[in-house]
Amino acid sequence: MSLKGKIPPEVKIQAVEDYLAIRKGSTQIREELGIRLSTFQAWLRKYQTEEPAGCIRKRVLPVTRRRSSWRPWRTI
């Protein structure tokens, strides 16, 4: 199976469009790309709700909190 983020967005979009146009079946697409059924279903859902832009993974950076310099065990 493939690792997350390994398949380029263009390939995802083409795979979904091939499936929706009945050019290829889901099994054939999944075997070619080495993905699970749930992954392909997620691509389909995103494509149908957000159009092709939904297949492009949006990178979200984690929010980091600033650590307080106050420590109760530290003496000045």
Foldseek 3Di string as FASTA:
>chain_A
DDDPPPDALVLLLVLLVCCVVVVDPPVVSCVVVVHDPVVNVCSNVQCVVPNSVSSHDDDDDDDDDDDDPDDVVDDD
